[in-house]
Amino acid sequence: MKPELEQELQHCRSLPTPPAIALEILELGKRADVDAGDLARVIQRDPALTMRVLRVANSPLYARQRQSETISQAIMVLGLNVTMTLALSFSLARLLQQRDGQPADWMWRRALVAGTAARSLGERCSCGDLEELFLGALLQDIGILALHAQFPDTYGLLLADAKGHDELLAMEWRELGCDHGTVGGWLMRQWGLPAHLSETAEASHAVGFDDQPTPRRLYLQCVAMAGRIADLLIDRQRLSDTESLFLTAEDWFGLDHAAMQTLLENLATDLEQISRVFDAQLLNERHYEQVMAHARELQLLRNLQLVQEVSEYRRRSQELEQTSRRWREEATRDELTGLHNRRFFNDCLASEFDIASRTGRPLVLAFIDLDHFKQVNDEHGHSLGDEILRQIGRILRSSTRDNDATIRYGGEEFVVLLPATNLLQACAIIDRLRTGIGELAVESPVHGKPVRVTASIGLAVHMDGHYRSERPADLIETADRALYRAKRDGRDRVEIAQDEDY
C-alpha cells in the first residue's frame, strides 16, 4: 500500500472500528488463564450476540444431540475456542451490515456466504479450524469498508461500476495501486486482530499460493475459493463462471464435478442455518436453481465429452493395436513365402517346449531341407527358385493344421512345429507334406520344361514315450541329426530321430 494512502486512512475519522465486545473477546483470547465463565460473561452482555451463538450452537451445523439453553452450556458443548471464534465472527459481522453511506448489502451477503462456503470446503478437505476459516473468509473484504469510508464518492463510483469482485480488484489496482485485500489487512492490524487474519485478507486475493507452506496454502485456497463461490451464488452476472470455478476446485482440492455439485447442495442447507442466525435472506432461490441447473448441464456436456473422448481413445487404441499387430506380423513373417520367420520360430519353440514339458503333451519338430536347390537356382535362375519357395510355402500351409507353426528357417530350409501331436500323427502329416513337395512342378523360363524338387525331412519328438529333450536347442539339434541322416541315406525321405540322436 502506498504511504500516502496509508496516511489518509490513518486520519480518516469515519474509519470502521470493531464493536467494544469484539475488542473484549480479542483481549480474552490473549490471556492464557481465560476460562468459560469469563467468555460467558462477555457474550451475555450483548443479547443479540448471545442469541446468535445459541442459534448456531443448536443448529445442524454442529449436529449436537444436547441442546444449549445458556451461553455456558453452549461453551461446554462447542468448546471454549470454537465459541470464542464464533462470538468474534458474529460481533465483527455487524460491521459488514448495510448502514447509511456504506456499501450495498451484497457485501454483507457475500461475506456470510463466503464464510459458510469456506467452512464447508474446510470440512470437505479436512483443513484445520473450521471457525477460523469462517472468520477469515468473512473478513477478507473488510477493506472495502475502509476505502468507502475514506473515499465515499470516488470509491462509491468504483463499487457502482465494477461488474463483480474480480473487476473491482482490477479497478482498485488501477486507481489506488493496491486492492481492498491489502487495505483490509492493514485495517485488521490497526484493530489488533491476530496476524493470520490480516495476512489472509492480503493473500486470499493473490493469483497463486505456491509460495505458501502446504497447510497455509490449503487454508488460503479455501478462503479464496469461498469468495468465488459467493460471487457465483449472489451475482446473477457470474453464471458463466461456473465451469471455471469447478475446474479450479478440481485443480486446488481434487474435487471432481460431482463432488462440487454435492458441496453446493450441502452449502445451501448450511446457508439456511446461517440465514436464521442472522435473520437475513442470503440466497435467491431462483438464482441458486439456475446455478445448479447450469452445473448439471455442464456435467452432462462433460459426460458427453468424456464419452466422445473414450470412444476416440478406443478407436485410436484399436488403430494402434491393429498397426502394432501388423508390424509384429510383418516382423515375424517371411516376405517371399508368407510363412513365419526364424525370429518367430525361436519364441514359438520356447513357448511350446515349456507347455509340453509342463503338461506332458508331445511336441514334434520337423526340419525340412530342399534337395539340390542350389542346382535349381544355378540352372534355371533365382526367379524360378523364388517361385518354387512360394509354392512350397503354400503347400506347408495347406498340409498342416491351424495350431501348427510353419516357418521358413532360412534359404531352402523350413521348419514345421506340431504341438500336442504324437510321433505317429506327425509322420502322417509330414509324409503328406513331403509328397506334396515332390508333386510340385514349376515351368522353367530357361528350358520351358517343368522343374521338380524333393525334400529331406528330419523329425524329433519331445515328451512322447521316453523321448524328451532338456532344452529347446537340444530338440533342434536332434531334428537336425535326423535330417542329416535323411540326406545321407538317399534324400526325398523322412527320418525319425533315434535313441542315439537324443
Protein backbone atom coordinates (compact mmCIF):
# COMPACT_ATOMS: atom_id res chain seq x y z
CA MET A 1 0.00 0.00 0.00
CA LYS A 2 1.31 3.44 -0.89
CA PRO A 3 2.45 5.56 2.11
CA GLU A 4 0.16 8.46 1.14
CA LEU A 5 -2.89 6.14 1.07
CA GLU A 6 -1.98 4.73 4.46
CA GLN A 7 -1.61 8.25 5.86
CA GLU A 8 -5.03 9.24 4.53
CA LEU A 9 -6.63 6.17 6.09
CA GLN A 10 -4.98 6.83 9.45
CA HIS A 11 -6.55 10.28 9.59
CA CYS A 12 -9.99 9.06 8.47
CA ARG A 13 -12.47 9.86 11.26
CA SER A 14 -15.16 7.60 9.85
CA LEU A 15 -12.91 4.54 9.58
CA PRO A 16 -14.82 1.47 10.82
CA THR A 17 -13.87 0.24 14.28
CA PRO A 18 -14.68 -3.07 15.94
CA PRO A 19 -17.56 -3.19 18.41
CA ALA A 20 -16.46 -2.94 22.03
CA ILE A 21 -17.48 -6.51 22.68
CA ALA A 22 -15.26 -7.73 19.84
CA LEU A 23 -12.30 -5.95 21.45
CA GLU A 24 -13.11 -7.62 24.78
CA ILE A 25 -13.21 -11.04 23.11
CA LEU A 26 -9.85 -10.30 21.47
CA GLU A 27 -8.36 -9.41 24.85
CA LEU A 28 -9.72 -12.63 26.33
CA GLY A 29 -8.05 -14.54 23.50
CA LYS A 30 -4.68 -13.14 24.50
CA ARG A 31 -4.95 -14.41 28.08
CA ALA A 32 -3.52 -17.78 28.99
CA ASP A 33 -5.84 -18.18 32.00
CA VAL A 34 -9.14 -17.41 30.26
CA ASP A 35 -11.99 -19.73 31.22
CA ALA A 36 -15.54 -20.42 30.09
CA GLY A 37 -17.02 -18.16 32.76
CA ASP A 38 -15.04 -15.14 31.52
CA LEU A 39 -16.25 -15.66 27.94
CA ALA A 40 -19.84 -16.28 29.00
CA ARG A 41 -19.95 -13.02 30.99
CA VAL A 42 -18.69 -11.01 27.99
CA ILE A 43 -21.10 -12.57 25.48
CA GLN A 44 -24.12 -12.28 27.79
CA ARG A 45 -23.78 -8.51 27.89
CA ASP A 46 -24.90 -8.48 24.23
CA PRO A 47 -28.37 -10.08 23.86
CA ALA A 48 -28.20 -10.18 20.03
CA LEU A 49 -24.78 -11.86 20.10
CA THR A 50 -25.98 -14.30 22.76
CA MET A 51 -28.97 -15.26 20.62
CA ARG A 52 -26.80 -15.85 17.54
CA VAL A 53 -24.25 -18.00 19.35
CA LEU A 54 -27.03 -20.13 20.83
CA ARG A 55 -28.76 -20.48 17.47
CA VAL A 56 -25.65 -21.71 15.72
CA ALA A 57 -24.71 -23.99 18.62
CA ASN A 58 -28.13 -25.66 18.39
CA SER A 59 -28.18 -25.78 14.58
CA PRO A 60 -27.43 -28.83 12.38
CA LEU A 61 -24.08 -27.19 11.56
CA TYR A 62 -22.75 -28.83 14.70
CA ALA A 63 -25.15 -31.78 14.90
CA ARG A 64 -25.05 -31.82 18.71
CA GLN A 65 -27.58 -34.04 20.45
CA ARG A 66 -27.63 -31.84 23.51
CA GLN A 67 -29.47 -28.52 23.16
CA SER A 68 -27.94 -25.46 24.81
CA GLU A 69 -30.18 -23.01 26.64
CA THR A 70 -27.46 -20.79 28.05
CA ILE A 71 -24.11 -19.50 26.80
CA SER A 72 -22.37 -21.55 29.48
CA GLN A 73 -23.98 -24.70 28.12
CA ALA A 74 -23.05 -23.70 24.57
CA ILE A 75 -19.43 -23.26 25.61
CA MET A 76 -19.47 -26.73 27.20
CA VAL A 77 -20.89 -28.25 24.01
CA LEU A 78 -18.82 -26.31 21.46
CA GLY A 79 -15.64 -25.80 23.42
CA LEU A 80 -14.02 -22.55 24.55
CA ASN A 81 -12.02 -21.77 21.40
CA VAL A 82 -14.88 -22.51 18.98
CA THR A 83 -17.31 -20.35 20.96
CA MET A 84 -14.79 -17.51 21.18
CA THR A 85 -14.17 -17.55 17.43
CA LEU A 86 -17.90 -17.68 16.67
CA ALA A 87 -18.62 -14.78 19.01
CA LEU A 88 -15.83 -12.74 17.43
CA SER A 89 -17.15 -13.56 13.94
CA PHE A 90 -20.70 -12.57 14.78
CA SER A 91 -19.72 -9.33 16.53
CA LEU A 92 -17.43 -8.25 13.67
CA ALA A 93 -20.06 -9.24 11.11
CA ARG A 94 -22.10 -6.24 12.27
CA LEU A 95 -19.53 -4.01 10.60
CA LEU A 96 -20.43 -5.50 7.26
CA GLN A 97 -24.18 -4.85 7.50
CA GLN A 98 -25.56 -2.08 5.37
CA ARG A 99 -25.70 1.33 7.03
CA ASP A 100 -26.25 4.79 5.66
CA GLY A 101 -23.34 5.73 3.48
CA GLN A 102 -21.90 2.21 3.43
CA PRO A 103 -21.64 -0.25 0.52
CA ALA A 104 -24.74 -2.10 -0.63
CA ASP A 105 -25.93 -5.22 1.07
CA TRP A 106 -24.19 -7.50 -1.49
CA MET A 107 -21.05 -7.19 0.63
CA TRP A 108 -22.85 -8.35 3.75
CA ARG A 109 -24.40 -11.27 1.93
CA ARG A 110 -21.14 -12.10 0.15
CA ALA A 111 -19.24 -12.15 3.46
CA LEU A 112 -21.68 -14.56 5.12
CA VAL A 113 -21.91 -16.82 2.06
CA ALA A 114 -18.10 -16.84 1.72
CA GLY A 115 -17.65 -17.62 5.41
CA THR A 116 -20.10 -20.52 5.24
CA ALA A 117 -18.57 -21.79 1.99
CA ALA A 118 -15.06 -21.68 3.48
CA ARG A 119 -16.27 -23.69 6.44
CA SER A 120 -17.87 -26.29 4.11
CA LEU A 121 -14.72 -26.53 1.99
CA GLY A 122 -12.56 -26.87 5.08
CA GLU A 123 -14.75 -29.68 6.39
CA ARG A 124 -14.63 -31.43 3.00
CA CYS A 125 -10.84 -31.06 2.74
CA SER A 126 -10.01 -31.58 6.45
CA CYS A 127 -8.48 -28.12 6.63
CA GLY A 128 -7.83 -27.10 10.22
CA ASP A 129 -10.14 -24.98 12.37
CA LEU A 130 -13.48 -24.51 10.61
CA GLU A 131 -14.47 -21.45 12.65
CA GLU A 132 -11.15 -19.78 11.83
CA LEU A 133 -11.95 -20.42 8.16
CA PHE A 134 -15.39 -18.86 8.61
CA LEU A 135 -13.87 -15.78 10.23
CA GLY A 136 -11.07 -15.45 7.66
CA ALA A 137 -13.49 -15.62 4.71
CA LEU A 138 -15.98 -13.34 6.47
CA LEU A 139 -13.40 -10.57 6.88
CA GLN A 140 -11.45 -10.97 3.63
CA ASP A 141 -13.22 -7.96 2.05
CA ILE A 142 -13.35 -5.71 5.13
CA GLY A 143 -11.02 -3.29 3.33
CA ILE A 144 -13.96 -2.20 1.16
CA LEU A 145 -15.46 -0.50 4.24
CA ALA A 146 -12.26 1.42 4.94
CA LEU A 147 -11.90 2.61 1.34
CA HIS A 148 -15.55 3.60 1.15
CA ALA A 149 -15.29 5.48 4.43
CA GLN A 150 -12.29 7.50 3.23
CA PHE A 151 -13.40 7.98 -0.39
CA PRO A 152 -17.20 7.71 -0.32
CA ASP A 153 -17.69 9.43 -3.67
CA THR A 154 -14.82 8.17 -5.83
CA TYR A 155 -14.73 4.68 -4.34
CA GLY A 156 -18.51 4.57 -4.42
CA LEU A 157 -18.29 5.03 -8.19
CA LEU A 158 -15.87 2.09 -8.42
CA LEU A 159 -18.31 -0.07 -6.50
CA ALA A 160 -21.15 1.02 -8.75
CA ASP A 161 -19.23 0.50 -11.99
CA ALA A 162 -17.47 -2.78 -11.13
CA LYS A 163 -19.14 -5.84 -12.62
CA GLY A 164 -18.23 -8.29 -9.91
CA HIS A 165 -15.47 -8.79 -7.38
CA ASP A 166 -12.64 -9.51 -9.85
CA GLU A 167 -13.33 -6.35 -11.84
CA LEU A 168 -13.41 -4.34 -8.62
CA LEU A 169 -9.93 -5.63 -7.74
CA ALA A 170 -8.60 -4.62 -11.16
CA MET A 171 -10.12 -1.16 -10.89
CA GLU A 172 -8.65 -0.70 -7.38
CA TRP A 173 -5.16 -1.52 -8.61
CA ARG A 174 -5.55 0.89 -11.48
CA GLU A 175 -6.87 3.75 -9.33
CA LEU A 176 -5.19 3.14 -5.96
CA GLY A 177 -2.13 0.99 -6.63
CA CYS A 178 -3.43 -1.75 -4.30
CA ASP A 179 -6.63 -3.69 -3.65
CA HIS A 180 -9.07 -3.84 -0.76
CA GLY A 181 -7.38 -7.05 0.47
CA THR A 182 -4.23 -5.07 1.22
CA VAL A 183 -6.26 -2.32 2.90
CA GLY A 184 -8.23 -4.91 4.87
CA GLY A 185 -5.01 -6.46 6.16
CA TRP A 186 -3.78 -3.02 7.23
CA LEU A 187 -7.10 -2.25 8.93
CA MET A 188 -7.11 -5.50 10.91
CA ARG A 189 -3.58 -4.79 12.14
CA GLN A 190 -4.83 -1.42 13.39
CA TRP A 191 -7.55 -3.22 15.28
CA GLY A 192 -5.12 -5.67 16.84
CA LEU A 193 -6.68 -8.76 15.24
CA PRO A 194 -4.50 -11.90 15.06
CA ALA A 195 -1.84 -11.65 12.35
CA HIS A 196 -3.12 -14.65 10.40
CA LEU A 197 -6.43 -12.82 9.73
CA SER A 198 -4.76 -9.74 8.27
CA GLU A 199 -2.43 -11.94 6.24
CA THR A 200 -5.43 -13.90 4.96
CA ALA A 201 -7.16 -10.75 3.70
CA GLU A 202 -4.00 -9.79 1.81
CA ALA A 203 -3.10 -13.24 0.46
CA SER A 204 -6.55 -14.58 -0.46
CA HIS A 205 -6.79 -12.10 -3.34
CA ALA A 206 -3.47 -13.26 -4.81
CA VAL A 207 -3.30 -15.15 -8.11
CA GLY A 208 -1.36 -18.12 -6.75
CA PHE A 209 -0.33 -19.65 -3.45
CA ASP A 210 2.68 -21.71 -4.47
CA ASP A 211 5.00 -19.81 -2.14
CA GLN A 212 2.92 -20.77 0.90
CA PRO A 213 3.59 -23.88 3.06
CA THR A 214 1.09 -26.67 2.46
CA PRO A 215 -1.29 -26.22 5.46
CA ARG A 216 -1.37 -22.44 4.99
CA ARG A 217 -1.81 -22.80 1.22
CA LEU A 218 -4.85 -25.05 1.69
CA TYR A 219 -6.33 -22.56 4.20
CA LEU A 220 -5.87 -19.63 1.77
CA GLN A 221 -7.25 -21.65 -1.13
CA CYS A 222 -10.39 -22.43 0.92
CA VAL A 223 -10.88 -18.70 1.66
CA ALA A 224 -10.21 -17.66 -1.94
CA MET A 225 -12.48 -20.37 -3.37
CA ALA A 226 -15.18 -19.41 -0.87
CA GLY A 227 -15.16 -15.88 -2.27
CA ARG A 228 -15.59 -17.22 -5.81
CA ILE A 229 -18.46 -19.45 -4.68
CA ALA A 230 -20.10 -16.44 -3.02
CA ASP A 231 -19.80 -14.43 -6.25
CA LEU A 232 -21.39 -17.27 -8.22
CA LEU A 233 -24.30 -17.68 -5.79
CA ILE A 234 -25.02 -13.97 -5.31
CA ASP A 235 -24.14 -12.25 -8.56
CA ARG A 236 -26.51 -13.17 -11.38
CA GLN A 237 -23.97 -11.94 -13.94
CA ARG A 238 -21.44 -14.60 -12.88
CA LEU A 239 -23.33 -17.68 -14.06
CA SER A 240 -20.80 -18.16 -16.85
CA ASP A 241 -18.06 -18.58 -14.22
CA THR A 242 -19.48 -21.95 -13.13
CA GLU A 243 -17.21 -24.07 -15.32
CA SER A 244 -14.09 -22.10 -14.34
CA LEU A 245 -14.95 -22.47 -10.65
CA PHE A 246 -15.44 -26.21 -10.99
CA LEU A 247 -12.12 -26.58 -12.82
CA THR A 248 -10.32 -24.60 -10.11
CA ALA A 249 -11.90 -26.77 -7.41
CA GLU A 250 -10.55 -29.86 -9.16
CA ASP A 251 -7.11 -28.26 -9.51
CA TRP A 252 -6.85 -26.98 -5.94
CA PHE A 253 -8.72 -29.61 -3.94
CA GLY A 254 -9.06 -32.62 -6.24
CA LEU A 255 -12.86 -32.23 -6.17
CA ASP A 256 -14.45 -33.50 -9.36
CA HIS A 257 -17.64 -32.08 -10.87
CA ALA A 258 -19.93 -34.39 -8.92
CA ALA A 259 -18.18 -33.61 -5.62
CA MET A 260 -18.55 -29.87 -6.20
CA GLN A 261 -22.23 -30.26 -7.04
CA THR A 262 -22.72 -32.11 -3.77
CA LEU A 263 -20.79 -29.43 -1.89
CA LEU A 264 -23.02 -26.67 -3.35
CA GLU A 265 -26.13 -28.66 -2.48
CA ASN A 266 -24.98 -29.11 1.11
CA LEU A 267 -23.89 -25.47 1.24
CA ALA A 268 -27.45 -24.36 0.50
CA THR A 269 -28.59 -26.25 3.60
CA ASP A 270 -25.83 -24.68 5.74
CA LEU A 271 -26.74 -21.21 4.44
CA GLU A 272 -30.33 -21.75 5.58
CA GLN A 273 -28.97 -22.15 9.12
CA ILE A 274 -26.76 -19.05 8.85
CA SER A 275 -29.72 -17.10 7.43
CA ARG A 276 -31.72 -17.96 10.56
CA VAL A 277 -28.81 -16.95 12.79
CA PHE A 278 -28.60 -13.50 11.21
CA ASP A 279 -32.25 -13.08 10.21
CA ALA A 280 -31.10 -12.46 6.65
CA GLN A 281 -32.03 -13.87 3.26
CA LEU A 282 -28.65 -14.87 1.81
CA LEU A 283 -29.62 -16.82 -1.30
CA ASN A 284 -32.03 -16.03 -4.09
CA GLU A 285 -33.75 -19.36 -4.59
CA ARG A 286 -34.35 -18.84 -8.29
CA HIS A 287 -30.74 -17.83 -8.98
CA TYR A 288 -29.46 -20.77 -6.92
CA GLU A 289 -31.57 -23.16 -9.02
CA GLN A 290 -30.16 -21.58 -12.18
CA VAL A 291 -26.62 -22.16 -10.89
CA MET A 292 -27.34 -25.79 -10.08
CA ALA A 293 -29.15 -26.33 -13.40
CA HIS A 294 -26.15 -24.85 -15.22
CA ALA A 295 -23.83 -27.11 -13.21
CA ARG A 296 -25.90 -30.16 -14.16
CA GLU A 297 -25.85 -29.06 -17.80
CA LEU A 298 -22.07 -28.73 -17.67
CA GLN A 299 -21.85 -32.17 -16.11
CA LEU A 300 -24.00 -33.60 -18.90
CA LEU A 301 -21.83 -31.92 -21.53
CA ARG A 302 -18.73 -33.12 -19.71
CA ASN A 303 -20.07 -36.68 -19.66
CA LEU A 304 -20.84 -36.49 -23.37
CA GLN A 305 -17.36 -35.14 -23.99
CA LEU A 306 -15.88 -37.95 -21.91
CA VAL A 307 -17.92 -40.49 -23.87
CA GLN A 308 -16.60 -39.00 -27.10
CA GLU A 309 -13.07 -38.92 -25.75
CA VAL A 310 -13.34 -42.54 -24.58
CA SER A 311 -14.78 -43.52 -27.97
CA GLU A 312 -11.98 -41.68 -29.74
CA TYR A 313 -9.43 -43.23 -27.39
CA ARG A 314 -10.79 -46.69 -28.09
CA ARG A 315 -10.76 -46.03 -31.83
CA ARG A 316 -7.17 -44.84 -31.71
CA SER A 317 -6.23 -47.73 -29.43
CA GLN A 318 -7.75 -50.16 -31.91
CA GLU A 319 -5.91 -48.49 -34.77
CA LEU A 320 -2.66 -48.60 -32.82
CA GLU A 321 -3.28 -52.22 -31.88
CA GLN A 322 -4.02 -53.12 -35.49
CA THR A 323 -0.91 -51.23 -36.63
CA SER A 324 1.16 -52.85 -33.91
CA ARG A 325 -0.25 -56.25 -34.76
CA ARG A 326 0.52 -55.66 -38.45
CA TRP A 327 4.05 -54.57 -37.61
CA ARG A 328 4.54 -57.59 -35.36
CA GLU A 329 3.15 -59.82 -38.07
CA GLU A 330 5.39 -58.25 -40.69
CA ALA A 331 8.37 -58.54 -38.37
CA THR A 332 7.75 -62.26 -37.91
CA ARG A 333 6.80 -63.16 -41.47
CA ASP A 334 8.99 -64.16 -44.38
CA GLU A 335 8.24 -61.74 -47.18
CA LEU A 336 8.70 -64.27 -50.00
CA THR A 337 6.70 -67.26 -48.74
CA GLY A 338 4.35 -65.67 -46.24
CA LEU A 339 5.46 -68.21 -43.65
CA HIS A 340 6.70 -67.24 -40.21
CA ASN A 341 10.39 -66.42 -39.97
CA ARG A 342 13.19 -67.57 -37.72
CA ARG A 343 12.53 -64.83 -35.14
CA PHE A 344 9.01 -66.14 -34.67
CA PHE A 345 10.29 -69.72 -34.54
CA ASN A 346 12.61 -69.00 -31.61
CA ASP A 347 9.81 -67.56 -29.49
CA CYS A 348 7.25 -70.12 -30.56
CA LEU A 349 9.53 -73.09 -29.88
CA ALA A 350 10.43 -71.80 -26.41
CA SER A 351 6.74 -71.38 -25.54
CA GLU A 352 5.56 -74.72 -26.95
CA PHE A 353 8.52 -76.56 -25.41
CA ASP A 354 7.61 -75.14 -21.98
CA ILE A 355 3.94 -76.13 -22.39
CA ALA A 356 4.87 -79.64 -23.47
CA SER A 357 7.30 -80.03 -20.57
CA ARG A 358 4.70 -78.89 -18.02
CA THR A 359 1.66 -80.73 -19.41
CA GLY A 360 3.29 -83.87 -20.81
CA ARG A 361 1.67 -83.32 -24.20
CA PRO A 362 4.04 -84.31 -27.03
CA LEU A 363 5.68 -81.81 -29.32
CA VAL A 364 7.13 -82.70 -32.75
CA LEU A 365 9.72 -80.67 -34.64
CA ALA A 366 10.30 -81.32 -38.38
CA PHE A 367 13.35 -79.91 -40.19
CA ILE A 368 12.88 -79.71 -43.98
CA ASP A 369 15.67 -79.11 -46.49
CA LEU A 370 15.05 -78.98 -50.25
CA ASP A 371 17.35 -81.35 -52.16
CA HIS A 372 19.86 -79.90 -54.63
CA PHE A 373 18.13 -76.50 -54.53
CA LYS A 374 21.35 -74.61 -55.36
CA GLN A 375 21.47 -76.50 -58.63
CA VAL A 376 17.93 -75.37 -59.45
CA ASN A 377 18.92 -71.72 -58.95
CA ASP A 378 22.10 -72.13 -60.99
CA GLU A 379 20.41 -73.85 -63.95
CA HIS A 380 17.04 -72.08 -64.06
CA GLY A 381 17.60 -68.72 -62.34
CA HIS A 382 16.62 -67.27 -58.98
CA SER A 383 13.20 -66.16 -60.17
CA LEU A 384 12.23 -69.81 -60.66
CA GLY A 385 13.80 -70.66 -57.32
CA ASP A 386 11.73 -67.96 -55.65
CA GLU A 387 8.55 -69.22 -57.26
CA ILE A 388 9.28 -72.75 -56.04
CA LEU A 389 9.82 -71.41 -52.49
CA ARG A 390 6.50 -69.54 -52.69
CA GLN A 391 4.69 -72.68 -53.83
CA ILE A 392 6.27 -74.74 -51.08
CA GLY A 393 5.08 -72.14 -48.56
CA ARG A 394 1.55 -72.70 -49.88
CA ILE A 395 1.96 -76.49 -49.59
CA LEU A 396 3.19 -76.22 -46.00
CA ARG A 397 0.20 -74.08 -45.00
CA SER A 398 -2.33 -76.36 -46.74
CA SER A 399 -0.81 -79.58 -45.41
CA THR A 400 -0.75 -78.56 -41.73
CA ARG A 401 -3.35 -77.63 -39.12
CA ASP A 402 -4.25 -74.20 -37.74
CA ASN A 403 -2.35 -74.78 -34.49
CA ASP A 404 0.80 -75.94 -36.29
CA ALA A 405 3.59 -73.44 -36.97
CA THR A 406 5.19 -73.33 -40.43
CA ILE A 407 8.48 -71.45 -40.69
CA ARG A 408 10.99 -70.57 -43.36
CA TYR A 409 14.14 -71.18 -41.38
CA GLY A 410 16.47 -69.72 -43.98
CA GLY A 411 17.32 -70.21 -47.66
CA GLU A 412 15.79 -73.53 -48.71
CA GLU A 413 15.27 -74.75 -45.11
CA PHE A 414 11.87 -74.94 -43.47
CA VAL A 415 10.56 -75.98 -40.07
CA VAL A 416 7.17 -77.32 -39.02
CA LEU A 417 6.26 -77.34 -35.33
CA LEU A 418 3.41 -79.68 -34.32
CA PRO A 419 2.09 -79.08 -30.78
CA ALA A 420 0.09 -81.76 -28.93
CA THR A 421 0.98 -84.28 -31.64
CA ASN A 422 2.50 -87.70 -31.11
CA LEU A 423 5.06 -89.26 -33.42
CA LEU A 424 2.57 -91.43 -35.30
CA GLN A 425 0.29 -88.47 -36.11
CA ALA A 426 3.28 -86.33 -37.08
CA CYS A 427 4.58 -88.95 -39.53
CA ALA A 428 1.29 -88.90 -41.44
CA ILE A 429 1.23 -85.09 -41.64
CA ILE A 430 4.90 -84.73 -42.62
CA ASP A 431 4.84 -87.52 -45.20
CA ARG A 432 1.80 -85.88 -46.84
CA LEU A 433 3.76 -82.66 -46.90
CA ARG A 434 6.82 -84.40 -48.46
CA THR A 435 4.60 -85.94 -51.12
CA GLY A 436 3.06 -82.56 -51.93
CA ILE A 437 6.51 -81.03 -52.39
CA GLY A 438 7.53 -83.88 -54.67
CA GLU A 439 4.47 -83.41 -56.86
CA LEU A 440 5.14 -79.71 -57.30
CA ALA A 441 6.14 -78.79 -60.87
CA VAL A 442 7.08 -75.24 -61.91
CA GLU A 443 7.82 -74.45 -65.55
CA SER A 444 11.35 -73.23 -66.18
CA PRO A 445 11.71 -69.91 -68.06
CA VAL A 446 15.04 -71.18 -69.36
CA HIS A 447 14.13 -74.64 -70.75
CA GLY A 448 10.34 -74.36 -70.88
CA LYS A 449 10.03 -77.65 -69.02
CA PRO A 450 8.60 -78.32 -65.56
CA VAL A 451 11.11 -78.35 -62.72
CA ARG A 452 10.57 -80.59 -59.71
CA VAL A 453 12.22 -80.64 -56.28
CA THR A 454 12.25 -83.10 -53.41
CA ALA A 455 12.73 -82.59 -49.68
CA SER A 456 14.66 -84.40 -46.98
CA ILE A 457 12.99 -84.20 -43.55
CA GLY A 458 14.18 -84.98 -40.03
CA LEU A 459 11.70 -85.48 -37.18
CA ALA A 460 12.34 -85.15 -33.44
CA VAL A 461 9.78 -85.53 -30.66
CA HIS A 462 9.64 -84.20 -27.12
CA MET A 463 7.55 -85.75 -24.31
CA ASP A 464 6.42 -88.79 -26.32
CA GLY A 465 7.23 -92.01 -24.51
CA HIS A 466 10.82 -91.88 -23.32
CA TYR A 467 11.80 -89.28 -25.91
CA ARG A 468 12.46 -85.89 -24.36
CA SER A 469 14.98 -83.09 -24.52
CA GLU A 470 16.44 -80.89 -21.81
CA ARG A 471 16.25 -77.66 -23.78
CA PRO A 472 14.65 -76.33 -26.97
CA ALA A 473 18.12 -76.13 -28.51
CA ASP A 474 18.60 -79.84 -27.84
CA LEU A 475 15.39 -80.65 -29.73
CA ILE A 476 16.66 -78.62 -32.72
CA GLU A 477 19.96 -80.49 -32.74
CA THR A 478 18.15 -83.83 -32.53
CA ALA A 479 15.94 -83.00 -35.53
CA ASP A 480 18.99 -81.73 -37.42
CA ARG A 481 20.79 -85.05 -36.88
CA ALA A 482 17.73 -86.90 -38.24
CA LEU A 483 17.73 -84.57 -41.27
CA TYR A 484 21.41 -85.25 -41.90
CA ARG A 485 20.68 -88.98 -41.94
CA ALA A 486 17.80 -88.47 -44.42
CA LYS A 487 20.17 -86.70 -46.81
CA ARG A 488 22.92 -89.25 -46.29
CA ASP A 489 20.60 -92.18 -46.95
CA GLY A 490 19.22 -91.05 -50.29
CA ARG A 491 17.20 -87.82 -49.81
CA ASP A 492 13.48 -87.36 -50.56
CA ARG A 493 12.63 -89.14 -47.33
CA VAL A 494 11.53 -88.62 -43.72
CA GLU A 495 13.88 -89.78 -40.97
CA ILE A 496 12.78 -90.07 -37.33
CA ALA A 497 15.35 -89.32 -34.60
CA GLN A 498 16.56 -92.45 -32.85
CA ASP A 499 17.71 -93.01 -29.28
CA GLU A 500 21.31 -92.20 -30.21
CA ASP A 501 20.22 -88.83 -31.60
CA TYR A 502 18.94 -87.61 -28.21
